[in-house]
């Protein structure tokens, strides 16, 4: 579920359009706001950043817009990388509409929890998709507990391990919106029974054009083991290599602060 086997970025985007659009929004907004530092970027940030004080003044859209904004490149990359890892399987299982509802719904509940129970947030702004991403973990944990037929044991162990690590880091790291993480997870867990209706277990073959849902035979790609030239392989995956290196550097820099 969490190992990417798409043969190109174009293929990934065609299989998982919602995840692709969300990642594009993260990086595009960072590019406009932080890199180019355009006036419109500053306006977007001021208009969309989470602020309990301004929400209290009636700007209720700030319970959703912080999901798409980030505090710097590494913040945007880390959340985008997490979304690329854990979002595709759920997008396939739930379908595009339910996935959007689950993602935005969990992010909304995370920001609502921040508004209701985070009094300090009246004096600073908060941004980031981590509450929504914790919502995805909430759906996965619901599957681990109540929908075991949708997730195998190996992937269950991966989900639980990474969730526990993320939960520990939520309380250990500084400058973390704890309320968004906790309530985002609660929101995803609560939404799970609604969006998992008629869901099927993830299959890496289902997105293929020649996929037959009634064919239970083992799928095999005859070209899978053909030798490929290293330069061509590197060229095809250069985006993911650079993306992974940047995320790794971001994680290292965050731990060294």
C-alpha atoms as a PDB file:
ATOM      1  CA  UNK A   1       0.000   0.000   0.000  1.00  0.00           C
ATOM      2  CA  UNK A   2       2.762   2.419   0.863  1.00  0.00           C
ATOM      3  CA  UNK A   3       5.449   1.496  -1.680  1.00  0.00           C
ATOM      4  CA  UNK A   4       5.071   3.476  -4.876  1.00  0.00           C
ATOM      5  CA  UNK A   5       5.254   1.317  -8.003  1.00  0.00           C
ATOM      6  CA  UNK A   6       4.097   3.824 -10.613  1.00  0.00           C
ATOM      7  CA  UNK A   7       6.377   4.016 -13.619  1.00  0.00           C
ATOM      8  CA  UNK A   8       6.325   7.804 -14.007  1.00  0.00           C
ATOM      9  CA  UNK A   9       5.024  11.005 -12.463  1.00  0.00           C
ATOM     10  CA  UNK A  10       2.415  11.190 -15.226  1.00  0.00           C
ATOM     11  CA  UNK A  11       1.160   7.723 -14.298  1.00  0.00           C
ATOM     12  CA  UNK A  12       1.030   8.639 -10.598  1.00  0.00           C
ATOM     13  CA  UNK A  13      -0.970  11.778 -11.403  1.00  0.00           C
ATOM     14  CA  UNK A  14      -3.432   9.861 -13.563  1.00  0.00           C
ATOM     15  CA  UNK A  15      -4.001   7.229 -10.859  1.00  0.00           C
ATOM     16  CA  UNK A  16      -4.193   9.622  -7.894  1.00  0.00           C
ATOM     17  CA  UNK A  17      -5.399  13.024  -9.143  1.00  0.00           C
ATOM     18  CA  UNK A  18      -6.579  14.328  -5.762  1.00  0.00           C
ATOM     19  CA  UNK A  19      -3.273  13.618  -4.011  1.00  0.00           C
ATOM     20  CA  UNK A  20      -1.436  15.140  -6.982  1.00  0.00           C
ATOM     21  CA  UNK A  21      -3.517  18.337  -6.879  1.00  0.00           C
ATOM     22  CA  UNK A  22      -3.010  18.691  -3.113  1.00  0.00           C
ATOM     23  CA  UNK A  23       0.767  18.303  -3.424  1.00  0.00           C
ATOM     24  CA  UNK A  24       0.774  20.801  -6.300  1.00  0.00           C
ATOM     25  CA  UNK A  25      -1.169  23.290  -4.149  1.00  0.00           C
ATOM     26  CA  UNK A  26       1.284  22.896  -1.260  1.00  0.00           C
ATOM     27  CA  UNK A  27       4.306  23.578  -3.447  1.00  0.00           C
ATOM     28  CA  UNK A  28       2.684  26.234  -5.645  1.00  0.00           C
ATOM     29  CA  UNK A  29       1.544  28.259  -2.652  1.00  0.00           C
ATOM     30  CA  UNK A  30       4.997  27.962  -1.064  1.00  0.00           C
ATOM     31  CA  UNK A  31       6.549  29.116  -4.351  1.00  0.00           C
ATOM     32  CA  UNK A  32       4.280  32.165  -4.579  1.00  0.00           C
ATOM     33  CA  UNK A  33       4.372  33.102  -0.900  1.00  0.00           C
ATOM     34  CA  UNK A  34       7.907  32.278   0.261  1.00  0.00           C
ATOM     35  CA  UNK A  35      10.092  31.943  -2.822  1.00  0.00           C
ATOM     36  CA  UNK A  36       8.769  34.718  -5.086  1.00  0.00           C
ATOM     37  CA  UNK A  37       7.415  36.700  -2.124  1.00  0.00           C
ATOM     38  CA  UNK A  38       4.808  38.289  -4.336  1.00  0.00           C
ATOM     39  CA  UNK A  39       2.308  40.745  -2.804  1.00  0.00           C
ATOM     40  CA  UNK A  40      -0.515  38.400  -3.775  1.00  0.00           C
ATOM     41  CA  UNK A  41       1.293  35.633  -1.883  1.00  0.00           C
ATOM     42  CA  UNK A  42       1.451  37.728   1.273  1.00  0.00           C
ATOM     43  CA  UNK A  43      -2.236  38.524   0.847  1.00  0.00           C
ATOM     44  CA  UNK A  44      -3.087  34.836   0.431  1.00  0.00           C
ATOM     45  CA  UNK A  45      -1.174  33.957   3.582  1.00  0.00           C
ATOM     46  CA  UNK A  46      -2.752  36.734   5.631  1.00  0.00           C
ATOM     47  CA  UNK A  47      -6.188  35.803   4.313  1.00  0.00           C
ATOM     48  CA  UNK A  48      -5.864  32.043   4.876  1.00  0.00           C
ATOM     49  CA  UNK A  49      -3.626  31.427   7.912  1.00  0.00           C
ATOM     50  CA  UNK A  50      -5.352  30.020  10.989  1.00  0.00           C
ATOM     51  CA  UNK A  51      -6.050  32.593  13.677  1.00  0.00           C
ATOM     52  CA  UNK A  52      -8.425  31.991  16.573  1.00  0.00           C
ATOM     53  CA  UNK A  53      -8.813  35.708  17.092  1.00  0.00           C
ATOM     54  CA  UNK A  54      -9.940  36.292  13.494  1.00  0.00           C
ATOM     55  CA  UNK A  55     -12.118  33.180  13.516  1.00  0.00           C
ATOM     56  CA  UNK A  56     -13.761  34.627  16.599  1.00  0.00           C
ATOM     57  CA  UNK A  57     -14.383  37.766  14.539  1.00  0.00           C
ATOM     58  CA  UNK A  58     -16.371  35.748  12.010  1.00  0.00           C
ATOM     59  CA  UNK A  59     -13.694  34.620   9.515  1.00  0.00           C
ATOM     60  CA  UNK A  60     -14.813  30.982   9.621  1.00  0.00           C
ATOM     61  CA  UNK A  61     -13.028  29.997   6.407  1.00  0.00           C
ATOM     62  CA  UNK A  62      -9.825  29.939   8.473  1.00  0.00           C
ATOM     63  CA  UNK A  63     -10.965  26.574   9.837  1.00  0.00           C
ATOM     64  CA  UNK A  64     -10.163  25.103   6.385  1.00  0.00           C
ATOM     65  CA  UNK A  65      -7.680  27.321   4.520  1.00  0.00           C
ATOM     66  CA  UNK A  66      -4.695  26.623   6.855  1.00  0.00           C
ATOM     67  CA  UNK A  67      -4.708  23.038   5.541  1.00  0.00           C
ATOM     68  CA  UNK A  68      -3.186  24.238   2.259  1.00  0.00           C
ATOM     69  CA  UNK A  69      -0.608  26.699   3.625  1.00  0.00           C
ATOM     70  CA  UNK A  70       2.799  25.945   5.129  1.00  0.00           C
ATOM     71  CA  UNK A  71       5.533  27.679   7.089  1.00  0.00           C
ATOM     72  CA  UNK A  72       8.449  27.269   4.693  1.00  0.00           C
ATOM     73  CA  UNK A  73       9.735  24.797   2.136  1.00  0.00           C
ATOM     74  CA  UNK A  74      10.646  21.957   4.488  1.00  0.00           C
ATOM     75  CA  UNK A  75       7.244  22.101   6.163  1.00  0.00           C
ATOM     76  CA  UNK A  76       5.533  21.891   2.761  1.00  0.00           C
ATOM     77  CA  UNK A  77       7.831  19.101   1.563  1.00  0.00           C
ATOM     78  CA  UNK A  78       7.437  16.998   4.690  1.00  0.00           C
ATOM     79  CA  UNK A  79       3.637  17.120   4.592  1.00  0.00           C
ATOM     80  CA  UNK A  80       3.611  16.571   0.820  1.00  0.00           C
ATOM     81  CA  UNK A  81       5.882  13.544   1.184  1.00  0.00           C
ATOM     82  CA  UNK A  82       3.607  12.125   3.894  1.00  0.00           C
ATOM     83  CA  UNK A  83       0.607  12.662   1.634  1.00  0.00           C
ATOM     84  CA  UNK A  84       2.327  10.930  -1.292  1.00  0.00           C
ATOM     85  CA  UNK A  85       3.093   7.937   0.933  1.00  0.00           C
ATOM     86  CA  UNK A  86      -0.233   7.504   2.707  1.00  0.00           C
ATOM     87  CA  UNK A  87      -2.783   9.233   0.487  1.00  0.00           C
ATOM     88  CA  UNK A  88      -2.846   7.145  -2.740  1.00  0.00           C
ATOM     89  CA  UNK A  89      -4.115   3.912  -1.187  1.00  0.00           C
ATOM     90  CA  UNK A  90      -6.994   5.727   0.491  1.00  0.00           C
ATOM     91  CA  UNK A  91      -7.812   7.707  -2.645  1.00  0.00           C
ATOM     92  CA  UNK A  92      -8.192   4.441  -4.544  1.00  0.00           C
ATOM     93  CA  UNK A  93     -10.156   2.731  -1.761  1.00  0.00           C
ATOM     94  CA  UNK A  94     -12.531   5.616  -1.047  1.00  0.00           C
ATOM     95  CA  UNK A  95     -12.801   7.252  -4.442  1.00  0.00           C
ATOM     96  CA  UNK A  96     -11.997  10.887  -5.207  1.00  0.00           C
ATOM     97  CA  UNK A  97     -15.088  12.475  -3.645  1.00  0.00           C
ATOM     98  CA  UNK A  98     -14.970  10.584  -0.336  1.00  0.00           C
ATOM     99  CA  UNK A  99     -11.216  11.083  -0.101  1.00  0.00           C
ATOM    100  CA  UNK A 100     -11.607  14.859  -0.459  1.00  0.00           C
ATOM    101  CA  UNK A 101     -14.398  14.884   2.132  1.00  0.00           C
ATOM    102  CA  UNK A 102     -12.329  12.797   4.554  1.00  0.00           C
ATOM    103  CA  UNK A 103      -9.146  14.852   4.084  1.00  0.00           C
ATOM    104  CA  UNK A 104     -10.770  18.277   4.322  1.00  0.00           C
ATOM    105  CA  UNK A 105     -13.173  17.087   7.036  1.00  0.00           C
ATOM    106  CA  UNK A 106     -10.335  15.823   9.251  1.00  0.00           C
ATOM    107  CA  UNK A 107      -8.361  19.035   8.670  1.00  0.00           C
ATOM    108  CA  UNK A 108     -11.441  21.080   9.573  1.00  0.00           C
ATOM    109  CA  UNK A 109     -11.957  19.114  12.795  1.00  0.00           C
ATOM    110  CA  UNK A 110      -8.278  19.589  13.646  1.00  0.00           C
ATOM    111  CA  UNK A 111      -8.548  23.361  13.210  1.00  0.00           C
ATOM    112  CA  UNK A 112     -11.879  23.395  15.063  1.00  0.00           C
ATOM    113  CA  UNK A 113     -10.199  21.637  17.992  1.00  0.00           C
ATOM    114  CA  UNK A 114      -7.456  24.272  17.876  1.00  0.00           C
ATOM    115  CA  UNK A 115     -10.080  27.006  17.984  1.00  0.00           C
ATOM    116  CA  UNK A 116     -12.082  25.503  20.838  1.00  0.00           C
ATOM    117  CA  UNK A 117      -9.268  24.205  23.041  1.00  0.00           C
ATOM    118  CA  UNK A 118      -6.168  26.171  22.057  1.00  0.00           C
ATOM    119  CA  UNK A 119      -6.395  29.524  23.882  1.00  0.00           C
ATOM    120  CA  UNK A 120      -2.772  30.382  23.051  1.00  0.00           C
ATOM    121  CA  UNK A 121      -3.692  30.269  19.367  1.00  0.00           C
ATOM    122  CA  UNK A 122      -5.459  33.609  19.783  1.00  0.00           C
ATOM    123  CA  UNK A 123      -2.027  35.225  19.755  1.00  0.00           C
ATOM    124  CA  UNK A 124      -0.367  33.475  16.817  1.00  0.00           C
ATOM    125  CA  UNK A 125      -1.229  31.977  13.435  1.00  0.00           C
ATOM    126  CA  UNK A 126      -1.038  28.307  12.499  1.00  0.00           C
ATOM    127  CA  UNK A 127      -0.761  26.598   9.114  1.00  0.00           C
ATOM    128  CA  UNK A 128      -0.112  23.130   7.738  1.00  0.00           C
ATOM    129  CA  UNK A 129      -1.731  19.973   6.398  1.00  0.00           C
ATOM    130  CA  UNK A 130      -0.572  17.782   9.269  1.00  0.00           C
ATOM    131  CA  UNK A 131      -4.004  17.762  10.942  1.00  0.00           C
ATOM    132  CA  UNK A 132      -5.569  16.427   7.734  1.00  0.00           C
ATOM    133  CA  UNK A 133      -2.761  13.889   7.338  1.00  0.00           C
ATOM    134  CA  UNK A 134      -3.305  12.701  10.906  1.00  0.00           C
ATOM    135  CA  UNK A 135      -6.908  12.289   9.814  1.00  0.00           C
ATOM    136  CA  UNK A 136      -5.722   9.803   7.197  1.00  0.00           C
ATOM    137  CA  UNK A 137      -3.999   7.905   9.998  1.00  0.00           C
ATOM    138  CA  UNK A 138      -7.300   7.960  11.871  1.00  0.00           C
ATOM    139  CA  UNK A 139      -8.947   6.175   8.939  1.00  0.00           C
ATOM    140  CA  UNK A 140      -6.125   3.640   8.741  1.00  0.00           C
ATOM    141  CA  UNK A 141      -6.271   2.936  12.484  1.00  0.00           C
ATOM    142  CA  UNK A 142     -10.033   2.449  12.196  1.00  0.00           C
ATOM    143  CA  UNK A 143      -9.356  -0.152   9.511  1.00  0.00           C
ATOM    144  CA  UNK A 144      -6.747  -1.855  11.673  1.00  0.00           C
ATOM    145  CA  UNK A 145      -9.269  -2.150  14.529  1.00  0.00           C
ATOM    146  CA  UNK A 146     -12.636  -2.588  12.804  1.00  0.00           C
ATOM    147  CA  UNK A 147     -12.051  -3.319   9.089  1.00  0.00           C
ATOM    148  CA  UNK A 148      -9.253  -5.869   9.121  1.00  0.00           C
ATOM    149  CA  UNK A 149     -10.272  -7.226   5.708  1.00  0.00           C
ATOM    150  CA  UNK A 150      -9.224  -3.915   4.130  1.00  0.00           C
ATOM    151  CA  UNK A 151      -5.614  -3.899   5.347  1.00  0.00           C
ATOM    152  CA  UNK A 152      -3.150  -6.761   5.774  1.00  0.00           C
ATOM    153  CA  UNK A 153      -1.057  -7.396   8.867  1.00  0.00           C
ATOM    154  CA  UNK A 154       2.210  -6.051   7.428  1.00  0.00           C
ATOM    155  CA  UNK A 155       0.661  -2.732   6.439  1.00  0.00           C
ATOM    156  CA  UNK A 156      -1.206  -2.582   9.750  1.00  0.00           C
ATOM    157  CA  UNK A 157       2.115  -2.781  11.577  1.00  0.00           C
ATOM    158  CA  UNK A 158       3.568  -0.023   9.385  1.00  0.00           C
ATOM    159  CA  UNK A 159       0.593   2.250  10.052  1.00  0.00           C
ATOM    160  CA  UNK A 160       0.599   1.683  13.811  1.00  0.00           C
ATOM    161  CA  UNK A 161       4.371   2.165  14.090  1.00  0.00           C
ATOM    162  CA  UNK A 162       4.469   5.393  12.097  1.00  0.00           C
ATOM    163  CA  UNK A 163       1.387   6.723  13.881  1.00  0.00           C
ATOM    164  CA  UNK A 164       2.967   6.097  17.293  1.00  0.00           C
ATOM    165  CA  UNK A 165       6.186   7.822  16.178  1.00  0.00           C
ATOM    166  CA  UNK A 166       4.197  10.759  14.840  1.00  0.00           C
ATOM    167  CA  UNK A 167       2.202  10.976  18.056  1.00  0.00           C
ATOM    168  CA  UNK A 168       5.359  10.974  20.180  1.00  0.00           C
ATOM    169  CA  UNK A 169       6.944  13.659  17.986  1.00  0.00           C
ATOM    170  CA  UNK A 170       3.780  15.738  18.335  1.00  0.00           C
ATOM    171  CA  UNK A 171       4.481  16.132  22.047  1.00  0.00           C
ATOM    172  CA  UNK A 172       8.280  16.190  21.868  1.00  0.00           C
ATOM    173  CA  UNK A 173       8.840  18.730  19.092  1.00  0.00           C
ATOM    174  CA  UNK A 174       8.359  22.447  19.623  1.00  0.00           C
ATOM    175  CA  UNK A 175       6.191  24.664  17.407  1.00  0.00           C
ATOM    176  CA  UNK A 176       3.723  21.832  16.791  1.00  0.00           C
ATOM    177  CA  UNK A 177      -0.023  22.410  16.782  1.00  0.00           C
ATOM    178  CA  UNK A 178      -0.876  19.547  19.108  1.00  0.00           C
ATOM    179  CA  UNK A 179      -4.604  20.229  18.933  1.00  0.00           C
ATOM    180  CA  UNK A 180      -4.642  19.953  15.120  1.00  0.00           C
ATOM    181  CA  UNK A 181      -2.809  16.609  15.228  1.00  0.00           C
ATOM    182  CA  UNK A 182      -4.973  15.074  17.938  1.00  0.00           C
ATOM    183  CA  UNK A 183      -8.309  16.348  16.698  1.00  0.00           C
ATOM    184  CA  UNK A 184      -7.361  15.662  13.080  1.00  0.00           C
ATOM    185  CA  UNK A 185      -6.803  12.032  14.046  1.00  0.00           C
ATOM    186  CA  UNK A 186     -10.080  11.931  15.999  1.00  0.00           C
ATOM    187  CA  UNK A 187     -11.851  13.457  13.008  1.00  0.00           C
ATOM    188  CA  UNK A 188     -10.453  10.870  10.598  1.00  0.00           C
ATOM    189  CA  UNK A 189     -11.350   8.033  12.967  1.00  0.00           C
ATOM    190  CA  UNK A 190     -14.912   9.383  13.330  1.00  0.00           C
ATOM    191  CA  UNK A 191     -15.345   9.902   9.576  1.00  0.00           C
ATOM    192  CA  UNK A 192     -13.925   6.456   8.712  1.00  0.00           C
ATOM    193  CA  UNK A 193     -17.125   4.367   9.083  1.00  0.00           C
ATOM    194  CA  UNK A 194     -18.922   6.781   6.749  1.00  0.00           C
ATOM    195  CA  UNK A 195     -16.342   6.920   3.959  1.00  0.00           C
ATOM    196  CA  UNK A 196     -15.327   3.248   4.146  1.00  0.00           C
ATOM    197  CA  UNK A 197     -18.781   2.123   3.071  1.00  0.00           C
ATOM    198  CA  UNK A 198     -18.358  -0.172   0.039  1.00  0.00           C
ATOM    199  CA  UNK A 199     -14.579   0.328   0.150  1.00  0.00           C
ATOM    200  CA  UNK A 200     -12.364  -2.412  -1.284  1.00  0.00           C
ATOM    201  CA  UNK A 201      -8.842  -3.316  -0.244  1.00  0.00           C
ATOM    202  CA  UNK A 202      -6.116  -1.467  -2.100  1.00  0.00           C
ATOM    203  CA  UNK A 203      -4.721  -3.124  -5.218  1.00  0.00           C
ATOM    204  CA  UNK A 204      -1.750  -1.787  -7.239  1.00  0.00           C
ATOM    205  CA  UNK A 205      -3.339  -3.323 -10.348  1.00  0.00           C
ATOM    206  CA  UNK A 206      -6.780  -1.745 -10.114  1.00  0.00           C
ATOM    207  CA  UNK A 207      -5.730   1.486 -11.811  1.00  0.00           C
ATOM    208  CA  UNK A 208      -4.445  -0.339 -14.893  1.00  0.00           C
ATOM    209  CA  UNK A 209      -6.631   0.082 -17.948  1.00  0.00           C
ATOM    210  CA  UNK A 210      -6.701  -3.672 -18.527  1.00  0.00           C
ATOM    211  CA  UNK A 211      -7.767  -4.454 -14.949  1.00  0.00           C
ATOM    212  CA  UNK A 212     -10.638  -6.924 -14.682  1.00  0.00           C
ATOM    213  CA  UNK A 213     -12.317  -6.945 -11.212  1.00  0.00           C
ATOM    214  CA  UNK A 214     -13.567 -10.494 -11.858  1.00  0.00           C
ATOM    215  CA  UNK A 215     -10.099 -11.807 -12.666  1.00  0.00           C
ATOM    216  CA  UNK A 216      -8.524 -13.207  -9.486  1.00  0.00           C
ATOM    217  CA  UNK A 217      -5.395 -14.587 -11.145  1.00  0.00           C
ATOM    218  CA  UNK A 218      -1.978 -13.336 -10.110  1.00  0.00           C
ATOM    219  CA  UNK A 219      -0.896 -10.371 -12.180  1.00  0.00           C
ATOM    220  CA  UNK A 220       2.571 -10.395 -13.712  1.00  0.00           C
ATOM    221  CA  UNK A 221       4.321  -7.771 -15.766  1.00  0.00           C
ATOM    222  CA  UNK A 222       6.497  -9.604 -18.357  1.00  0.00           C
ATOM    223  CA  UNK A 223       8.769  -6.577 -18.656  1.00  0.00           C
ATOM    224  CA  UNK A 224       9.310  -6.278 -14.928  1.00  0.00           C
ATOM    225  CA  UNK A 225      12.643  -8.098 -14.873  1.00  0.00           C
ATOM    226  CA  UNK A 226      14.110  -6.721 -18.074  1.00  0.00           C
ATOM    227  CA  UNK A 227      17.354  -4.920 -17.497  1.00  0.00           C
ATOM    228  CA  UNK A 228      17.218  -1.174 -17.865  1.00  0.00           C
ATOM    229  CA  UNK A 229      20.001   1.243 -18.324  1.00  0.00           C
ATOM    230  CA  UNK A 230      20.740   3.100 -15.141  1.00  0.00           C
ATOM    231  CA  UNK A 231      20.769   6.599 -16.692  1.00  0.00           C
ATOM    232  CA  UNK A 232      17.278   6.107 -18.124  1.00  0.00           C
ATOM    233  CA  UNK A 233      15.990   4.762 -14.813  1.00  0.00           C
ATOM    234  CA  UNK A 234      17.503   7.674 -12.917  1.00  0.00           C
ATOM    235  CA  UNK A 235      16.093  10.135 -15.403  1.00  0.00           C
ATOM    236  CA  UNK A 236      12.602   8.697 -15.031  1.00  0.00           C
ATOM    237  CA  UNK A 237      12.730   8.887 -11.227  1.00  0.00           C
ATOM    238  CA  UNK A 238      14.796  12.048 -10.804  1.00  0.00           C
ATOM    239  CA  UNK A 239      11.833  13.974  -9.377  1.00  0.00           C
ATOM    240  CA  UNK A 240      11.239  11.406  -6.622  1.00  0.00           C
ATOM    241  CA  UNK A 241      14.973  11.229  -5.861  1.00  0.00           C
ATOM    242  CA  UNK A 242      15.247  15.008  -5.467  1.00  0.00           C
ATOM    243  CA  UNK A 243      11.979  15.092  -3.542  1.00  0.00           C
ATOM    244  CA  UNK A 244      13.192  12.422  -1.120  1.00  0.00           C
ATOM    245  CA  UNK A 245      16.582  14.107  -0.616  1.00  0.00           C
ATOM    246  CA  UNK A 246      14.928  17.455   0.149  1.00  0.00           C
ATOM    247  CA  UNK A 247      12.575  15.860   2.645  1.00  0.00           C
ATOM    248  CA  UNK A 248      15.468  14.024   4.308  1.00  0.00           C
ATOM    249  CA  UNK A 249      17.447  17.274   4.573  1.00  0.00           C
ATOM    250  CA  UNK A 250      14.384  18.953   6.015  1.00  0.00           C
ATOM    251  CA  UNK A 251      13.971  16.276   8.665  1.00  0.00           C
ATOM    252  CA  UNK A 252      17.660  16.465   9.593  1.00  0.00           C
ATOM    253  CA  UNK A 253      17.529  20.253   9.842  1.00  0.00           C
ATOM    254  CA  UNK A 254      14.442  20.102  12.067  1.00  0.00           C
ATOM    255  CA  UNK A 255      16.099  17.671  14.483  1.00  0.00           C
ATOM    256  CA  UNK A 256      19.313  19.725  14.604  1.00  0.00           C
ATOM    257  CA  UNK A 257      17.575  22.952  15.603  1.00  0.00           C
END
